[in-house]
Structures are given as C-alpha cells and as structure tokens.
C-alpha cells in the first residue's frame, strides 16, 4: 500500500515510521487515540521531538482512513502469527490469571 509522502513519515519495508527514527507511526497514533497530549507522547518516546509528534498527528488526521486500515491489518497479522500467551507459556499465563483474580478480590 502506498502512502502519501511526508517530511514526518518514512515508509520502510512496508512499515510507517516517524522520519529518521525507529518509532512507528502506530505508537504515536495509539497515544493520540488514547487522548495523550503530544508532550506526553514525547515523554514516552524521548527520541522524538515535539514537532515530529505534531507532524505525525497531522499526517494521521490527513490520512486517517488509510492509516486506520494499515493499523488494523497489522493487528490482524499479529493475531495470525503470534499465538496467545495461554498457548505460548501456559504456566506463566495461569500464574498471571491467578494474580489478576487476587487483585480483583482485594479491590472488591
């Protein structure tokens, strides 16, 4: 899939990254969707500048449908290729589930 050119976004081997970094556009978009401020996103990704984050958000807003489809396809691919933790490490999964249940009981 070809994406519009931008000084803020690089397309490398099919992945969308913030130009000059290894940070994915997805990472910034997820923060933006979760209502994080651009300043908070920079705190999470210190290799980014505030201008890069604003540029990435602008790129997303200008190409929202295409980027949303790209992110959805990446998520589907991940789900197809990476088995769930319950299959990968059943003992670890069981311990995590037991800890989660304990926390739920303590909060109730």
PDB file of N, CA and C in Angstrom:
ATOM      1  N   UNK A   1       0.854  -1.171   0.000  1.00  0.00           N
ATOM      2  CA  UNK A   1       0.000   0.000   0.000  1.00  0.00           C
ATOM      3  C   UNK A   1       0.900   1.235   0.000  1.00  0.00           C
ATOM      4  N   UNK A   2       0.642   2.137  -0.887  1.00  0.00           N
ATOM      5  CA  UNK A   2       1.423   3.376  -0.969  1.00  0.00           C
ATOM      6  C   UNK A   2       0.741   4.449  -0.131  1.00  0.00           C
ATOM      7  N   UNK A   3       1.550   5.166   0.607  1.00  0.00           N
ATOM      8  CA  UNK A   3       1.048   6.246   1.455  1.00  0.00           C
ATOM      9  C   UNK A   3       1.561   7.571   0.936  1.00  0.00           C
ATOM     10  N   UNK A   4       0.825   8.654   1.172  1.00  0.00           N
ATOM     11  CA  UNK A   4       1.279   9.971   0.735  1.00  0.00           C
ATOM     12  C   UNK A   4       2.629  10.330   1.370  1.00  0.00           C
ATOM     13  N   UNK A   5       3.453  11.021   0.608  1.00  0.00           N
ATOM     14  CA  UNK A   5       4.765  11.445   1.103  1.00  0.00           C
ATOM     15  C   UNK A   5       4.592  12.496   2.193  1.00  0.00           C
ATOM     16  N   UNK A   6       5.526  12.504   3.124  1.00  0.00           N
ATOM     17  CA  UNK A   6       5.502  13.477   4.214  1.00  0.00           C
ATOM     18  C   UNK A   6       6.911  13.646   4.751  1.00  0.00           C
ATOM     19  N   UNK A   7       7.281  14.860   5.148  1.00  0.00           N
ATOM     20  CA  UNK A   7       8.591  15.037   5.766  1.00  0.00           C
ATOM     21  C   UNK A   7       8.651  14.421   7.168  1.00  0.00           C
ATOM     22  N   UNK A   8       7.509  14.046   7.714  1.00  0.00           N
ATOM     23  CA  UNK A   8       7.462  13.498   9.064  1.00  0.00           C
ATOM     24  C   UNK A   8       7.360  11.975   9.115  1.00  0.00           C
ATOM     25  N   UNK A   9       7.076  11.340   7.985  1.00  0.00           N
ATOM     26  CA  UNK A   9       6.843   9.900   7.965  1.00  0.00           C
ATOM     27  C   UNK A   9       7.711   9.246   6.901  1.00  0.00           C
ATOM     28  N   UNK A  10       8.365   8.135   7.280  1.00  0.00           N
ATOM     29  CA  UNK A  10       9.104   7.301   6.338  1.00  0.00           C
ATOM     30  C   UNK A  10       8.360   5.976   6.197  1.00  0.00           C
ATOM     31  N   UNK A  11       8.388   5.424   4.997  1.00  0.00           N
ATOM     32  CA  UNK A  11       7.856   4.086   4.797  1.00  0.00           C
ATOM     33  C   UNK A  11       9.047   3.188   4.505  1.00  0.00           C
ATOM     34  N   UNK A  12       9.342   2.278   5.432  1.00  0.00           N
ATOM     35  CA  UNK A  12      10.497   1.404   5.326  1.00  0.00           C
ATOM     36  C   UNK A  12      10.015  -0.040   5.383  1.00  0.00           C
ATOM     37  N   UNK A  13      10.261  -0.788   4.322  1.00  0.00           N
ATOM     38  CA  UNK A  13       9.848  -2.190   4.251  1.00  0.00           C
ATOM     39  C   UNK A  13       8.372  -2.360   4.627  1.00  0.00           C
ATOM     40  N   UNK A  14       7.550  -1.452   4.160  1.00  0.00           N
ATOM     41  CA  UNK A  14       6.119  -1.538   4.404  1.00  0.00           C
ATOM     42  C   UNK A  14       5.657  -0.977   5.732  1.00  0.00           C
ATOM     43  N   UNK A  15       6.607  -0.592   6.592  1.00  0.00           N
ATOM     44  CA  UNK A  15       6.248  -0.045   7.906  1.00  0.00           C
ATOM     45  C   UNK A  15       6.299   1.474   7.871  1.00  0.00           C
ATOM     46  N   UNK A  16       5.352   2.096   8.543  1.00  0.00           N
ATOM     47  CA  UNK A  16       5.335   3.554   8.655  1.00  0.00           C
ATOM     48  C   UNK A  16       6.039   3.945   9.942  1.00  0.00           C
ATOM     49  N   UNK A  17       7.075   4.772   9.811  1.00  0.00           N
ATOM     50  CA  UNK A  17       7.867   5.204  10.958  1.00  0.00           C
ATOM     51  C   UNK A  17       7.972   6.718  10.965  1.00  0.00           C
ATOM     52  N   UNK A  18       8.206   7.254  12.151  1.00  0.00           N
ATOM     53  CA  UNK A  18       8.461   8.682  12.256  1.00  0.00           C
ATOM     54  C   UNK A  18       9.812   8.910  11.581  1.00  0.00           C
ATOM     55  N   UNK A  19       9.879   9.866  10.669  1.00  0.00           N
ATOM     56  CA  UNK A  19      11.070  10.094   9.840  1.00  0.00           C
ATOM     57  C   UNK A  19      12.333  10.185  10.692  1.00  0.00           C
ATOM     58  N   UNK A  20      13.344   9.428  10.279  1.00  0.00           N
ATOM     59  CA  UNK A  20      14.644   9.459  10.937  1.00  0.00           C
ATOM     60  C   UNK A  20      14.712   8.705  12.245  1.00  0.00           C
ATOM     61  N   UNK A  21      13.649   7.967  12.592  1.00  0.00           N
ATOM     62  CA  UNK A  21      13.634   7.212  13.851  1.00  0.00           C
ATOM     63  C   UNK A  21      13.165   5.783  13.575  1.00  0.00           C
ATOM     64  N   UNK A  22      13.181   4.984  14.614  1.00  0.00           N
ATOM     65  CA  UNK A  22      12.634   3.637  14.523  1.00  0.00           C
ATOM     66  C   UNK A  22      11.260   3.557  15.178  1.00  0.00           C
ATOM     67  N   UNK A  23      10.723   4.695  15.589  1.00  0.00           N
ATOM     68  CA  UNK A  23       9.412   4.738  16.249  1.00  0.00           C
ATOM     69  C   UNK A  23       8.321   4.626  15.186  1.00  0.00           C
ATOM     70  N   UNK A  24       7.405   3.705  15.397  1.00  0.00           N
ATOM     71  CA  UNK A  24       6.329   3.509  14.424  1.00  0.00           C
ATOM     72  C   UNK A  24       5.273   4.596  14.541  1.00  0.00           C
ATOM     73  N   UNK A  25       4.655   4.883  13.413  1.00  0.00           N
ATOM     74  CA  UNK A  25       3.532   5.814  13.418  1.00  0.00           C
ATOM     75  C   UNK A  25       2.431   5.276  14.318  1.00  0.00           C
ATOM     76  N   UNK A  26       2.263   3.963  14.326  1.00  0.00           N
ATOM     77  CA  UNK A  26       1.244   3.326  15.175  1.00  0.00           C
ATOM     78  C   UNK A  26       1.385   3.773  16.626  1.00  0.00           C
ATOM     79  N   UNK A  27       2.622   3.836  17.113  1.00  0.00           N
ATOM     80  CA  UNK A  27       2.864   4.188  18.514  1.00  0.00           C
ATOM     81  C   UNK A  27       2.337   5.579  18.833  1.00  0.00           C
ATOM     82  N   UNK A  28       2.555   6.513  17.945  1.00  0.00           N
ATOM     83  CA  UNK A  28       2.078   7.877  18.161  1.00  0.00           C
ATOM     84  C   UNK A  28       0.555   7.915  18.026  1.00  0.00           C
ATOM     85  N   UNK A  29       0.028   7.217  17.046  1.00  0.00           N
ATOM     86  CA  UNK A  29      -1.424   7.208  16.816  1.00  0.00           C
ATOM     87  C   UNK A  29      -2.151   6.614  18.019  1.00  0.00           C
ATOM     88  N   UNK A  30      -1.622   5.536  18.579  1.00  0.00           N
ATOM     89  CA  UNK A  30      -2.263   4.925  19.750  1.00  0.00           C
ATOM     90  C   UNK A  30      -2.313   5.930  20.894  1.00  0.00           C
ATOM     91  N   UNK A  31      -1.206   6.615  21.149  1.00  0.00           N
ATOM     92  CA  UNK A  31      -1.211   7.637  22.195  1.00  0.00           C
ATOM     93  C   UNK A  31      -2.223   8.730  21.911  1.00  0.00           C
ATOM     94  N   UNK A  32      -2.268   9.185  20.678  1.00  0.00           N
ATOM     95  CA  UNK A  32      -3.215  10.229  20.282  1.00  0.00           C
ATOM     96  C   UNK A  32      -4.654   9.760  20.485  1.00  0.00           C
ATOM     97  N   UNK A  33      -4.947   8.517  20.064  1.00  0.00           N
ATOM     98  CA  UNK A  33      -6.307   7.974  20.230  1.00  0.00           C
ATOM     99  C   UNK A  33      -6.686   7.851  21.699  1.00  0.00           C
ATOM    100  N   UNK A  34      -5.682   7.603  22.557  1.00  0.00           N
ATOM    101  CA  UNK A  34      -5.943   7.461  23.990  1.00  0.00           C
ATOM    102  C   UNK A  34      -5.923   8.805  24.711  1.00  0.00           C
ATOM    103  N   UNK A  35      -5.984   9.872  23.929  1.00  0.00           N
ATOM    104  CA  UNK A  35      -6.087  11.240  24.449  1.00  0.00           C
ATOM    105  C   UNK A  35      -4.830  11.722  25.169  1.00  0.00           C
ATOM    106  N   UNK A  36      -3.672  11.100  24.864  1.00  0.00           N
ATOM    107  CA  UNK A  36      -2.420  11.599  25.426  1.00  0.00           C
ATOM    108  C   UNK A  36      -2.050  12.890  24.711  1.00  0.00           C
ATOM    109  N   UNK A  37      -1.476  13.820  25.443  1.00  0.00           N
ATOM    110  CA  UNK A  37      -1.020  15.061  24.831  1.00  0.00           C
ATOM    111  C   UNK A  37       0.243  14.778  24.023  1.00  0.00           C
ATOM    112  N   UNK A  38       0.549  15.609  23.036  1.00  0.00           N
ATOM    113  CA  UNK A  38       1.808  15.437  22.306  1.00  0.00           C
ATOM    114  C   UNK A  38       3.023  15.458  23.243  1.00  0.00           C
ATOM    115  N   UNK A  39       2.963  16.277  24.273  1.00  0.00           N
ATOM    116  CA  UNK A  39       4.064  16.328  25.241  1.00  0.00           C
ATOM    117  C   UNK A  39       4.229  14.992  25.966  1.00  0.00           C
ATOM    118  N   UNK A  40       3.118  14.354  26.311  1.00  0.00           N
ATOM    119  CA  UNK A  40       3.162  13.046  26.975  1.00  0.00           C
ATOM    120  C   UNK A  40       3.709  11.979  26.025  1.00  0.00           C
ATOM    121  N   UNK A  41       3.350  12.072  24.765  1.00  0.00           N
ATOM    122  CA  UNK A  41       3.859  11.112  23.781  1.00  0.00           C
ATOM    123  C   UNK A  41       5.373  11.259  23.668  1.00  0.00           C
ATOM    124  N   UNK A  42       5.878  12.492  23.676  1.00  0.00           N
ATOM    125  CA  UNK A  42       7.328  12.721  23.631  1.00  0.00           C
ATOM    126  C   UNK A  42       7.997  12.116  24.865  1.00  0.00           C
ATOM    127  N   UNK A  43       7.354  12.217  26.022  1.00  0.00           N
ATOM    128  CA  UNK A  43       7.907  11.599  27.229  1.00  0.00           C
ATOM    129  C   UNK A  43       8.017  10.083  27.065  1.00  0.00           C
ATOM    130  N   UNK A  44       7.054   9.488  26.381  1.00  0.00           N
ATOM    131  CA  UNK A  44       7.073   8.039  26.160  1.00  0.00           C
ATOM    132  C   UNK A  44       8.115   7.625  25.123  1.00  0.00           C
ATOM    133  N   UNK A  45       8.424   8.521  24.202  1.00  0.00           N
ATOM    134  CA  UNK A  45       9.372   8.241  23.118  1.00  0.00           C
ATOM    135  C   UNK A  45      10.381   9.379  23.053  1.00  0.00           C
ATOM    136  N   UNK A  46      11.377   9.368  23.941  1.00  0.00           N
ATOM    137  CA  UNK A  46      12.299  10.503  24.040  1.00  0.00           C
ATOM    138  C   UNK A  46      13.151  10.754  22.802  1.00  0.00           C
ATOM    139  N   UNK A  47      13.169   9.822  21.846  1.00  0.00           N
ATOM    140  CA  UNK A  47      13.910  10.086  20.605  1.00  0.00           C
ATOM    141  C   UNK A  47      13.133  11.000  19.676  1.00  0.00           C
ATOM    142  N   UNK A  48      11.859  11.252  19.991  1.00  0.00           N
ATOM    143  CA  UNK A  48      11.028  12.120  19.161  1.00  0.00           C
ATOM    144  C   UNK A  48      11.052  13.545  19.681  1.00  0.00           C
ATOM    145  N   UNK A  49      10.908  14.471  18.755  1.00  0.00           N
ATOM    146  CA  UNK A  49      10.739  15.868  19.132  1.00  0.00           C
ATOM    147  C   UNK A  49       9.244  16.178  19.134  1.00  0.00           C
ATOM    148  N   UNK A  50       8.899  17.269  19.759  1.00  0.00           N
ATOM    149  CA  UNK A  50       7.504  17.684  19.779  1.00  0.00           C
ATOM    150  C   UNK A  50       7.009  17.959  18.357  1.00  0.00           C
ATOM    151  N   UNK A  51       7.861  18.545  17.537  1.00  0.00           N
ATOM    152  CA  UNK A  51       7.488  18.823  16.142  1.00  0.00           C
ATOM    153  C   UNK A  51       7.203  17.524  15.389  1.00  0.00           C
ATOM    154  N   UNK A  52       8.012  16.482  15.631  1.00  0.00           N
ATOM    155  CA  UNK A  52       7.775  15.203  14.964  1.00  0.00           C
ATOM    156  C   UNK A  52       6.433  14.606  15.378  1.00  0.00           C
ATOM    157  N   UNK A  53       6.101  14.718  16.650  1.00  0.00           N
ATOM    158  CA  UNK A  53       4.832  14.171  17.134  1.00  0.00           C
ATOM    159  C   UNK A  53       3.668  14.937  16.516  1.00  0.00           C
ATOM    160  N   UNK A  54       3.751  16.263  16.516  1.00  0.00           N
ATOM    161  CA  UNK A  54       2.680  17.045  15.884  1.00  0.00           C
ATOM    162  C   UNK A  54       2.585  16.725  14.392  1.00  0.00           C
ATOM    163  N   UNK A  55       3.720  16.551  13.735  1.00  0.00           N
ATOM    164  CA  UNK A  55       3.722  16.198  12.318  1.00  0.00           C
ATOM    165  C   UNK A  55       3.083  14.846  12.078  1.00  0.00           C
ATOM    166  N   UNK A  56       3.389  13.879  12.955  1.00  0.00           N
ATOM    167  CA  UNK A  56       2.804  12.544  12.828  1.00  0.00           C
ATOM    168  C   UNK A  56       1.292  12.596  13.044  1.00  0.00           C
ATOM    169  N   UNK A  57       0.854  13.379  14.018  1.00  0.00           N
ATOM    170  CA  UNK A  57      -0.586  13.514  14.277  1.00  0.00           C
ATOM    171  C   UNK A  57      -1.270  14.173  13.081  1.00  0.00           C
ATOM    172  N   UNK A  58      -0.655  15.207  12.533  1.00  0.00           N
ATOM    173  CA  UNK A  58      -1.229  15.867  11.358  1.00  0.00           C
ATOM    174  C   UNK A  58      -1.323  14.888  10.189  1.00  0.00           C
ATOM    175  N   UNK A  59      -0.262  14.101   9.995  1.00  0.00           N
ATOM    176  CA  UNK A  59      -0.268  13.106   8.920  1.00  0.00           C
ATOM    177  C   UNK A  59      -1.419  12.120   9.139  1.00  0.00           C
ATOM    178  N   UNK A  60      -1.567  11.661  10.371  1.00  0.00           N
ATOM    179  CA  UNK A  60      -2.648  10.732  10.689  1.00  0.00           C
ATOM    180  C   UNK A  60      -4.011  11.356  10.374  1.00  0.00           C
ATOM    181  N   UNK A  61      -4.218  12.574  10.814  1.00  0.00           N
ATOM    182  CA  UNK A  61      -5.513  13.226  10.596  1.00  0.00           C
ATOM    183  C   UNK A  61      -5.798  13.450   9.114  1.00  0.00           C
ATOM    184  N   UNK A  62      -4.766  13.722   8.334  1.00  0.00           N
ATOM    185  CA  UNK A  62      -4.948  13.927   6.897  1.00  0.00           C
ATOM    186  C   UNK A  62      -5.175  12.621   6.143  1.00  0.00           C
ATOM    187  N   UNK A  63      -4.732  11.511   6.714  1.00  0.00           N
ATOM    188  CA  UNK A  63      -4.811  10.211   6.047  1.00  0.00           C
ATOM    189  C   UNK A  63      -5.437   9.169   6.967  1.00  0.00           C
ATOM    190  N   UNK A  64      -6.405   9.588   7.762  1.00  0.00           N
ATOM    191  CA  UNK A  64      -6.930   8.760   8.841  1.00  0.00           C
ATOM    192  C   UNK A  64      -7.458   7.412   8.367  1.00  0.00           C
ATOM    193  N   UNK A  65      -8.260   7.396   7.341  1.00  0.00           N
ATOM    194  CA  UNK A  65      -8.840   6.121   6.894  1.00  0.00           C
ATOM    195  C   UNK A  65      -7.741   5.159   6.450  1.00  0.00           C
ATOM    196  N   UNK A  66      -6.803   5.642   5.678  1.00  0.00           N
ATOM    197  CA  UNK A  66      -5.732   4.788   5.176  1.00  0.00           C
ATOM    198  C   UNK A  66      -4.844   4.281   6.315  1.00  0.00           C
ATOM    199  N   UNK A  67      -4.513   5.150   7.254  1.00  0.00           N
ATOM    200  CA  UNK A  67      -3.676   4.745   8.385  1.00  0.00           C
ATOM    201  C   UNK A  67      -4.437   3.784   9.294  1.00  0.00           C
ATOM    202  N   UNK A  68      -5.714   4.034   9.527  1.00  0.00           N
ATOM    203  CA  UNK A  68      -6.516   3.116  10.341  1.00  0.00           C
ATOM    204  C   UNK A  68      -6.561   1.723   9.707  1.00  0.00           C
ATOM    205  N   UNK A  69      -6.704   1.657   8.397  1.00  0.00           N
ATOM    206  CA  UNK A  69      -6.698   0.363   7.702  1.00  0.00           C
ATOM    207  C   UNK A  69      -5.339  -0.321   7.845  1.00  0.00           C
ATOM    208  N   UNK A  70      -4.260   0.449   7.724  1.00  0.00           N
ATOM    209  CA  UNK A  70      -2.903  -0.071   7.886  1.00  0.00           C
ATOM    210  C   UNK A  70      -2.719  -0.652   9.292  1.00  0.00           C
ATOM    211  N   UNK A  71      -3.167   0.078  10.310  1.00  0.00           N
ATOM    212  CA  UNK A  71      -3.024  -0.386  11.693  1.00  0.00           C
ATOM    213  C   UNK A  71      -3.882  -1.629  11.924  1.00  0.00           C
ATOM    214  N   UNK A  72      -5.088  -1.644  11.404  1.00  0.00           N
ATOM    215  CA  UNK A  72      -5.972  -2.808  11.563  1.00  0.00           C
ATOM    216  C   UNK A  72      -5.371  -4.040  10.899  1.00  0.00           C
ATOM    217  N   UNK A  73      -4.795  -3.880   9.722  1.00  0.00           N
ATOM    218  CA  UNK A  73      -4.164  -5.011   9.032  1.00  0.00           C
ATOM    219  C   UNK A  73      -2.959  -5.516   9.816  1.00  0.00           C
ATOM    220  N   UNK A  74      -2.163  -4.614  10.374  1.00  0.00           N
ATOM    221  CA  UNK A  74      -1.010  -5.021  11.187  1.00  0.00           C
ATOM    222  C   UNK A  74      -1.474  -5.799  12.415  1.00  0.00           C
ATOM    223  N   UNK A  75      -2.569  -5.377  13.015  1.00  0.00           N
ATOM    224  CA  UNK A  75      -3.108  -6.079  14.179  1.00  0.00           C
ATOM    225  C   UNK A  75      -3.600  -7.472  13.791  1.00  0.00           C
ATOM    226  N   UNK A  76      -4.290  -7.577  12.653  1.00  0.00           N
ATOM    227  CA  UNK A  76      -4.756  -8.886  12.184  1.00  0.00           C
ATOM    228  C   UNK A  76      -3.568  -9.813  11.913  1.00  0.00           C
ATOM    229  N   UNK A  77      -2.524  -9.290  11.301  1.00  0.00           N
ATOM    230  CA  UNK A  77      -1.321 -10.083  11.011  1.00  0.00           C
ATOM    231  C   UNK A  77      -0.663 -10.564  12.300  1.00  0.00           C
ATOM    232  N   UNK A  78      -0.592  -9.699  13.285  1.00  0.00           N
ATOM    233  CA  UNK A  78      -0.021 -10.072  14.575  1.00  0.00           C
ATOM    234  C   UNK A  78      -0.828 -11.194  15.210  1.00  0.00           C
ATOM    235  N   UNK A  79      -2.139 -11.083  15.173  1.00  0.00           N
ATOM    236  CA  UNK A  79      -3.002 -12.110  15.752  1.00  0.00           C
ATOM    237  C   UNK A  79      -2.866 -13.442  15.014  1.00  0.00           C
ATOM    238  N   UNK A  80      -2.612 -13.375  13.687  1.00  0.00           N
ATOM    239  CA  UNK A  80      -2.444 -14.606  12.903  1.00  0.00           C
ATOM    240  C   UNK A  80      -1.108 -15.284  13.193  1.00  0.00           C
ATOM    241  N   UNK A  81      -0.076 -14.496  13.459  1.00  0.00           N
ATOM    242  CA  UNK A  81       1.268 -15.061  13.542  1.00  0.00           C
ATOM    243  C   UNK A  81       1.787 -15.285  14.953  1.00  0.00           C
ATOM    244  N   UNK A  82       1.224 -14.622  15.941  1.00  0.00           N
ATOM    245  CA  UNK A  82       1.700 -14.769  17.312  1.00  0.00           C
ATOM    246  C   UNK A  82       0.631 -15.459  18.133  1.00  0.00           C
ATOM    247  N   UNK A  83       0.928 -16.662  18.615  1.00  0.00           N
ATOM    248  CA  UNK A  83      -0.068 -17.359  19.421  1.00  0.00           C
ATOM    249  C   UNK A  83      -0.283 -16.638  20.755  1.00  0.00           C
ATOM    250  N   UNK A  84      -1.471 -16.771  21.336  1.00  0.00           N
ATOM    251  CA  UNK A  84      -1.738 -16.123  22.620  1.00  0.00           C
ATOM    252  C   UNK A  84      -0.836 -16.695  23.716  1.00  0.00           C
ATOM    253  N   UNK A  85      -0.628 -15.904  24.765  1.00  0.00           N
ATOM    254  CA  UNK A  85       0.230 -16.319  25.870  1.00  0.00           C
ATOM    255  C   UNK A  85      -0.257 -17.626  26.488  1.00  0.00           C
ATOM    256  N   UNK A  86      -1.561 -17.834  26.509  1.00  0.00           N
ATOM    257  CA  UNK A  86      -2.096 -19.071  27.077  1.00  0.00           C
ATOM    258  C   UNK A  86      -1.595 -20.307  26.332  1.00  0.00           C
ATOM    259  N   UNK A  87      -1.236 -20.153  25.054  1.00  0.00           N
ATOM    260  CA  UNK A  87      -0.682 -21.263  24.275  1.00  0.00           C
ATOM    261  C   UNK A  87       0.838 -21.275  24.319  1.00  0.00           C
ATOM    262  N   UNK A  88       1.452 -20.096  24.335  1.00  0.00           N
ATOM    263  CA  UNK A  88       2.911 -19.999  24.339  1.00  0.00           C
ATOM    264  C   UNK A  88       3.513 -20.464  25.653  1.00  0.00           C
ATOM    265  N   UNK A  89       2.956 -19.995  26.745  1.00  0.00           N
ATOM    266  CA  UNK A  89       3.507 -20.291  28.074  1.00  0.00           C
ATOM    267  C   UNK A  89       2.342 -20.497  29.042  1.00  0.00           C
ATOM    268  N   UNK A  90       1.741 -21.674  29.016  1.00  0.00           N
ATOM    269  CA  UNK A  90       0.549 -21.910  29.827  1.00  0.00           C
ATOM    270  C   UNK A  90       0.768 -21.717  31.331  1.00  0.00           C
ATOM    271  N   UNK A  91       1.965 -22.099  31.838  1.00  0.00           N
ATOM    272  CA  UNK A  91       2.215 -21.930  33.272  1.00  0.00           C
ATOM    273  C   UNK A  91       2.253 -20.454  33.649  1.00  0.00           C
ATOM    274  N   UNK A  92       2.957 -19.663  32.852  1.00  0.00           N
ATOM    275  CA  UNK A  92       3.026 -18.227  33.104  1.00  0.00           C
ATOM    276  C   UNK A  92       1.636 -17.610  33.014  1.00  0.00           C
ATOM    277  N   UNK A  93       0.896 -17.998  32.003  1.00  0.00           N
ATOM    278  CA  UNK A  93      -0.460 -17.478  31.838  1.00  0.00           C
ATOM    279  C   UNK A  93      -1.312 -17.796  33.057  1.00  0.00           C
ATOM    280  N   UNK A  94      -1.221 -19.018  33.569  1.00  0.00           N
ATOM    281  CA  UNK A  94      -2.004 -19.424  34.741  1.00  0.00           C
ATOM    282  C   UNK A  94      -1.613 -18.594  35.965  1.00  0.00           C
ATOM    283  N   UNK A  95      -0.317 -18.347  36.154  1.00  0.00           N
ATOM    284  CA  UNK A  95       0.128 -17.525  37.294  1.00  0.00           C
ATOM    285  C   UNK A  95      -0.381 -16.092  37.169  1.00  0.00           C
ATOM    286  N   UNK A  96      -0.326 -15.540  35.951  1.00  0.00           N
ATOM    287  CA  UNK A  96      -0.818 -14.175  35.741  1.00  0.00           C
ATOM    288  C   UNK A  96      -2.318 -14.083  35.984  1.00  0.00           C
ATOM    289  N   UNK A  97      -3.059 -15.062  35.525  1.00  0.00           N
ATOM    290  CA  UNK A  97      -4.504 -15.080  35.747  1.00  0.00           C
ATOM    291  C   UNK A  97      -4.822 -15.185  37.238  1.00  0.00           C
ATOM    292  N   UNK A  98      -4.077 -16.025  37.974  1.00  0.00           N
ATOM    293  CA  UNK A  98      -4.290 -16.155  39.417  1.00  0.00           C
ATOM    294  C   UNK A  98      -4.000 -14.827  40.123  1.00  0.00           C
ATOM    295  N   UNK A  99      -2.934 -14.153  39.715  1.00  0.00           N
ATOM    296  CA  UNK A  99      -2.597 -12.849  40.307  1.00  0.00           C
ATOM    297  C   UNK A  99      -3.676 -11.826  39.986  1.00  0.00           C
ATOM    298  N   UNK A 100      -4.195 -11.846  38.774  1.00  0.00           N
ATOM    299  CA  UNK A 100      -5.262 -10.919  38.388  1.00  0.00           C
ATOM    300  C   UNK A 100      -6.513 -11.154  39.227  1.00  0.00           C
ATOM    301  N   UNK A 101      -6.861 -12.410  39.441  1.00  0.00           N
ATOM    302  CA  UNK A 101      -8.036 -12.730  40.263  1.00  0.00           C
ATOM    303  C   UNK A 101      -7.839 -12.261  41.707  1.00  0.00           C
ATOM    304  N   UNK A 102      -6.624 -12.440  42.236  1.00  0.00           N
ATOM    305  CA  UNK A 102      -6.341 -11.981  43.598  1.00  0.00           C
ATOM    306  C   UNK A 102      -6.500 -10.482  43.706  1.00  0.00           C
ATOM    307  N   UNK A 103      -5.990  -9.750  42.724  1.00  0.00           N
ATOM    308  CA  UNK A 103      -6.127  -8.304  42.741  1.00  0.00           C
ATOM    309  C   UNK A 103      -7.592  -7.889  42.683  1.00  0.00           C
ATOM    310  N   UNK A 104      -8.360  -8.594  41.881  1.00  0.00           N
ATOM    311  CA  UNK A 104      -9.792  -8.292  41.766  1.00  0.00           C
ATOM    312  C   UNK A 104     -10.498  -8.520  43.102  1.00  0.00           C
ATOM    313  N   UNK A 105     -10.128  -9.582  43.801  1.00  0.00           N
ATOM    314  CA  UNK A 105     -10.753  -9.870  45.092  1.00  0.00           C
ATOM    315  C   UNK A 105     -10.378  -8.821  46.130  1.00  0.00           C
ATOM    316  N   UNK A 106      -9.146  -8.352  46.110  1.00  0.00           N
ATOM    317  CA  UNK A 106      -8.698  -7.338  47.070  1.00  0.00           C
ATOM    318  C   UNK A 106      -9.405  -6.011  46.843  1.00  0.00           C
ATOM    319  N   UNK A 107      -9.721  -5.701  45.601  1.00  0.00           N
ATOM    320  CA  UNK A 107     -10.394  -4.442  45.282  1.00  0.00           C
ATOM    321  C   UNK A 107     -11.876  -4.472  45.620  1.00  0.00           C
ATOM    322  N   UNK A 108     -12.437  -5.657  45.666  1.00  0.00           N
ATOM    323  CA  UNK A 108     -13.885  -5.786  45.923  1.00  0.00           C
ATOM    324  C   UNK A 108     -14.244  -5.616  47.366  1.00  0.00           C
TER     325      UNK A 108
END
